[in-house]
C-alpha atoms as a PDB file:
ATOM      1  CA  MET A   1       3.976  11.389  21.317  1.00  0.00           C
ATOM      2  CA  SER A   2       0.287  12.026  21.887  1.00  0.00           C
ATOM      3  CA  HIS A   3      -1.718  14.475  19.793  1.00  0.00           C
ATOM      4  CA  ASP A   4      -2.135  16.876  22.725  1.00  0.00           C
ATOM      5  CA  THR A   5       1.617  17.284  23.298  1.00  0.00           C
ATOM      6  CA  PRO A   6       2.346  20.979  23.921  1.00  0.00           C
ATOM      7  CA  ALA A   7       4.645  22.610  21.339  1.00  0.00           C
ATOM      8  CA  GLY A   8       7.465  23.075  23.872  1.00  0.00           C
ATOM      9  CA  ASP A   9       7.299  19.390  24.751  1.00  0.00           C
ATOM     10  CA  ALA A  10       7.400  18.415  21.085  1.00  0.00           C
ATOM     11  CA  GLU A  11      10.518  20.526  20.460  1.00  0.00           C
ATOM     12  CA  PHE A  12      12.226  19.100  23.548  1.00  0.00           C
ATOM     13  CA  LEU A  13      11.337  15.537  22.556  1.00  0.00           C
ATOM     14  CA  ALA A  14      12.615  16.092  19.015  1.00  0.00           C
ATOM     15  CA  ALA A  15      16.000  17.067  20.468  1.00  0.00           C
ATOM     16  CA  VAL A  16      15.995  14.109  22.863  1.00  0.00           C
ATOM     17  CA  ARG A  17      15.036  11.759  20.016  1.00  0.00           C
ATOM     18  CA  VAL A  18      18.148  12.726  18.019  1.00  0.00           C
ATOM     19  CA  VAL A  19      20.412  11.927  20.982  1.00  0.00           C
ATOM     20  CA  ALA A  20      18.563   8.703  21.808  1.00  0.00           C
ATOM     21  CA  GLU A  21      18.715   7.417  18.237  1.00  0.00           C
ATOM     22  CA  THR A  22      22.402   8.293  17.934  1.00  0.00           C
ATOM     23  CA  LEU A  23      22.996   6.096  20.982  1.00  0.00           C
ATOM     24  CA  GLY A  24      20.758   3.355  19.615  1.00  0.00           C
ATOM     25  CA  GLY A  25      17.805   4.059  21.895  1.00  0.00           C
ATOM     26  CA  THR A  26      14.238   5.066  21.177  1.00  0.00           C
ATOM     27  CA  VAL A  27      11.928   7.678  22.648  1.00  0.00           C
ATOM     28  CA  VAL A  28       8.486   6.186  23.219  1.00  0.00           C
ATOM     29  CA  PRO A  29       5.201   7.809  24.286  1.00  0.00           C
ATOM     30  CA  VAL A  30       4.139   7.548  27.923  1.00  0.00           C
ATOM     31  CA  GLU A  31       1.325   5.161  26.982  1.00  0.00           C
ATOM     32  CA  ALA A  32       3.787   2.777  25.272  1.00  0.00           C
ATOM     33  CA  ARG A  33       6.008   2.380  28.337  1.00  0.00           C
ATOM     34  CA  ARG A  34       7.423  -1.073  29.068  1.00  0.00           C
ATOM     35  CA  PRO A  35       9.313  -2.320  32.114  1.00  0.00           C
ATOM     36  CA  GLY A  36      12.920  -1.125  31.924  1.00  0.00           C
ATOM     37  CA  ASP A  37      12.108   2.091  30.032  1.00  0.00           C
ATOM     38  CA  HIS A  38      13.493   5.270  31.609  1.00  0.00           C
ATOM     39  CA  PRO A  39      11.323   8.359  32.200  1.00  0.00           C
ATOM     40  CA  VAL A  40      12.132  11.523  30.267  1.00  0.00           C
ATOM     41  CA  GLU A  41      11.305  14.396  32.598  1.00  0.00           C
ATOM     42  CA  TRP A  42      10.542  17.881  31.282  1.00  0.00           C
ATOM     43  CA  GLN A  43       9.287  20.769  33.402  1.00  0.00           C
ATOM     44  CA  GLY A  44       8.381  18.472  36.292  1.00  0.00           C
ATOM     45  CA  ARG A  45       6.432  15.962  34.171  1.00  0.00           C
ATOM     46  CA  THR A  46       7.185  12.647  32.510  1.00  0.00           C
ATOM     47  CA  VAL A  47       6.685  13.451  28.827  1.00  0.00           C
ATOM     48  CA  ALA A  48       8.039  10.225  27.334  1.00  0.00           C
ATOM     49  CA  TYR A  49      10.213   7.222  28.063  1.00  0.00           C
ATOM     50  CA  LEU A  50      13.631   6.256  26.783  1.00  0.00           C
ATOM     51  CA  ARG A  51      13.987   2.665  25.653  1.00  0.00           C
ATOM     52  CA  GLU A  52      17.583   1.488  25.562  1.00  0.00           C
ATOM     53  CA  SER A  53      19.005  -0.143  22.480  1.00  0.00           C
ATOM     54  CA  GLU A  54      18.524  -3.821  21.963  1.00  0.00           C
ATOM     55  CA  LEU A  55      21.350  -6.012  20.726  1.00  0.00           C
ATOM     56  CA  HIS A  56      19.674  -7.081  17.514  1.00  0.00           C
ATOM     57  CA  ASP A  57      20.737  -4.709  14.754  1.00  0.00           C
ATOM     58  CA  ALA A  58      23.472  -3.276  17.025  1.00  0.00           C
ATOM     59  CA  LEU A  59      26.174  -3.733  14.385  1.00  0.00           C
ATOM     60  CA  ASP A  60      24.009  -2.055  11.746  1.00  0.00           C
ATOM     61  CA  ARG A  61      23.505   0.947  14.043  1.00  0.00           C
ATOM     62  CA  LEU A  62      27.231   1.198  14.767  1.00  0.00           C
ATOM     63  CA  VAL A  63      28.100   0.992  11.072  1.00  0.00           C
ATOM     64  CA  LEU A  64      25.515   3.638  10.203  1.00  0.00           C
ATOM     65  CA  SER A  65      26.923   5.919  12.895  1.00  0.00           C
ATOM     66  CA  VAL A  66      30.484   5.561  11.588  1.00  0.00           C
ATOM     67  CA  GLU A  67      29.367   5.985   7.975  1.00  0.00           C
ATOM     68  CA  ARG A  68      27.573   9.203   8.944  1.00  0.00           C
ATOM     69  CA  GLU A  69      30.641  10.408  10.807  1.00  0.00           C
ATOM     70  CA  LEU A  70      32.981   9.691   7.886  1.00  0.00           C
ATOM     71  CA  GLY A  71      30.537  10.745   5.191  1.00  0.00           C
ATOM     72  CA  THR A  72      30.474   7.595   3.072  1.00  0.00           C
ATOM     73  CA  LYS A  73      29.527   3.917   3.069  1.00  0.00           C
ATOM     74  CA  LEU A  74      32.109   1.371   4.227  1.00  0.00           C
ATOM     75  CA  ALA A  75      32.209  -0.183   0.759  1.00  0.00           C
ATOM     76  CA  TYR A  76      33.210   3.125  -0.852  1.00  0.00           C
ATOM     77  CA  MET A  77      35.913   4.108   1.624  1.00  0.00           C
ATOM     78  CA  ASP A  78      39.550   4.277   0.634  1.00  0.00           C
ATOM     79  CA  ARG A  79      42.169   2.461   2.700  1.00  0.00           C
ATOM     80  CA  ALA A  80      42.777   5.345   5.129  1.00  0.00           C
ATOM     81  CA  GLN A  81      39.033   5.813   5.683  1.00  0.00           C
ATOM     82  CA  LYS A  82      38.586   2.090   6.300  1.00  0.00           C
ATOM     83  CA  GLN A  83      41.348   2.202   8.892  1.00  0.00           C
ATOM     84  CA  THR A  84      39.653   5.164  10.573  1.00  0.00           C
ATOM     85  CA  ALA A  85      36.316   3.335  10.429  1.00  0.00           C
ATOM     86  CA  VAL A  86      37.864   0.245  12.045  1.00  0.00           C
ATOM     87  CA  ARG A  87      39.315   2.422  14.824  1.00  0.00           C
ATOM     88  CA  ARG A  88      35.918   4.060  15.467  1.00  0.00           C
ATOM     89  CA  LEU A  89      34.059   0.732  15.305  1.00  0.00           C
ATOM     90  CA  ASP A  90      36.553  -0.703  17.779  1.00  0.00           C
ATOM     91  CA  GLU A  91      36.049   2.278  20.108  1.00  0.00           C
ATOM     92  CA  LEU A  92      32.287   1.711  19.904  1.00  0.00           C
ATOM     93  CA  GLY A  93      32.656  -1.985  20.759  1.00  0.00           C
ATOM     94  CA  ALA A  94      31.601  -3.377  17.393  1.00  0.00           C
ATOM     95  CA  PHE A  95      34.201  -6.135  17.493  1.00  0.00           C
ATOM     96  CA  LEU A  96      32.748  -7.518  20.715  1.00  0.00           C
ATOM     97  CA  LEU A  97      29.729  -8.718  18.733  1.00  0.00           C
ATOM     98  CA  ARG A  98      29.817 -12.281  17.443  1.00  0.00           C
ATOM     99  CA  GLY A  99      30.507 -12.508  13.720  1.00  0.00           C
ATOM    100  CA  SER A 100      31.363  -8.832  13.386  1.00  0.00           C
ATOM    101  CA  VAL A 101      34.787  -9.344  11.797  1.00  0.00           C
ATOM    102  CA  GLU A 102      33.362 -11.430   8.961  1.00  0.00           C
ATOM    103  CA  ASP A 103      30.399  -9.096   8.497  1.00  0.00           C
ATOM    104  CA  LEU A 104      32.484  -5.920   8.521  1.00  0.00           C
ATOM    105  CA  ALA A 105      35.150  -7.355   6.218  1.00  0.00           C
ATOM    106  CA  ALA A 106      32.419  -8.203   3.698  1.00  0.00           C
ATOM    107  CA  ARG A 107      30.859  -4.730   4.010  1.00  0.00           C
ATOM    108  CA  MET A 108      34.248  -3.108   3.458  1.00  0.00           C
ATOM    109  CA  GLY A 109      35.191  -5.400   0.585  1.00  0.00           C
ATOM    110  CA  VAL A 110      38.373  -6.581   2.318  1.00  0.00           C
ATOM    111  CA  SER A 111      39.546  -9.930   3.615  1.00  0.00           C
ATOM    112  CA  LYS A 112      39.363 -10.899   7.282  1.00  0.00           C
ATOM    113  CA  VAL A 113      43.171 -10.837   7.298  1.00  0.00           C
ATOM    114  CA  THR A 114      43.159  -7.218   6.122  1.00  0.00           C
ATOM    115  CA  LEU A 115      40.589  -6.287   8.751  1.00  0.00           C
ATOM    116  CA  TYR A 116      42.675  -7.958  11.457  1.00  0.00           C
ATOM    117  CA  ASN A 117      45.698  -6.001  10.188  1.00  0.00           C
ATOM    118  CA  TYR A 118      43.702  -2.779  10.614  1.00  0.00           C
ATOM    119  CA  LEU A 119      42.734  -3.864  14.144  1.00  0.00           C
ATOM    120  CA  ASN A 120      46.351  -4.690  14.964  1.00  0.00           C
ATOM    121  CA  ALA A 121      47.383  -1.219  13.771  1.00  0.00           C
ATOM    122  CA  VAL A 122      44.744   0.309  16.061  1.00  0.00           C
ATOM    123  CA  GLU A 123      46.136  -1.654  18.998  1.00  0.00           C
ATOM    124  CA  ARG A 124      49.736  -0.684  18.142  1.00  0.00           C
ATOM    125  CA  SER A 125      48.791   3.003  18.006  1.00  0.00           C
ATOM    126  CA  ARG A 126      47.082   2.694  21.409  1.00  0.00           C
ATOM    127  CA  THR A 127      50.127   1.002  22.883  1.00  0.00           C
ATOM    128  CA  SER A 128      52.548   3.603  21.525  1.00  0.00           C
ATOM    129  CA  ALA A 129      50.283   6.454  22.696  1.00  0.00           C
ATOM    130  CA  ALA A 130      50.240   4.985  26.207  1.00  0.00           C
ATOM    131  CA  ASP A 131      54.064   4.857  26.386  1.00  0.00           C
END
């Protein structure tokens, strides 16, 4: 933010930045606002803007989030961790992105068939939980 940002604003914006980045967004200074950015209000003032995530690099952000959550890189996960990662990535919508199955299979060091088997297991567990 700007150099004259009061300390309270800076602390608030640091907290907002963590949430925004976790969701794939960015906190930008007031002077960097673009159309479509959302105001971040604090104590009756606009102190920054929230820029929503863009689709490029979306899969990378989702993978990073899941790796942080599980505590290791996809490539180093054991079978159970990979299955958990696939479930989380599915919940986050990663498999809606074009080419994600091939990309994620390569990152995990498994075949596309194996990845589809993990996805099928996720779907079966959802179906049995709904019954």
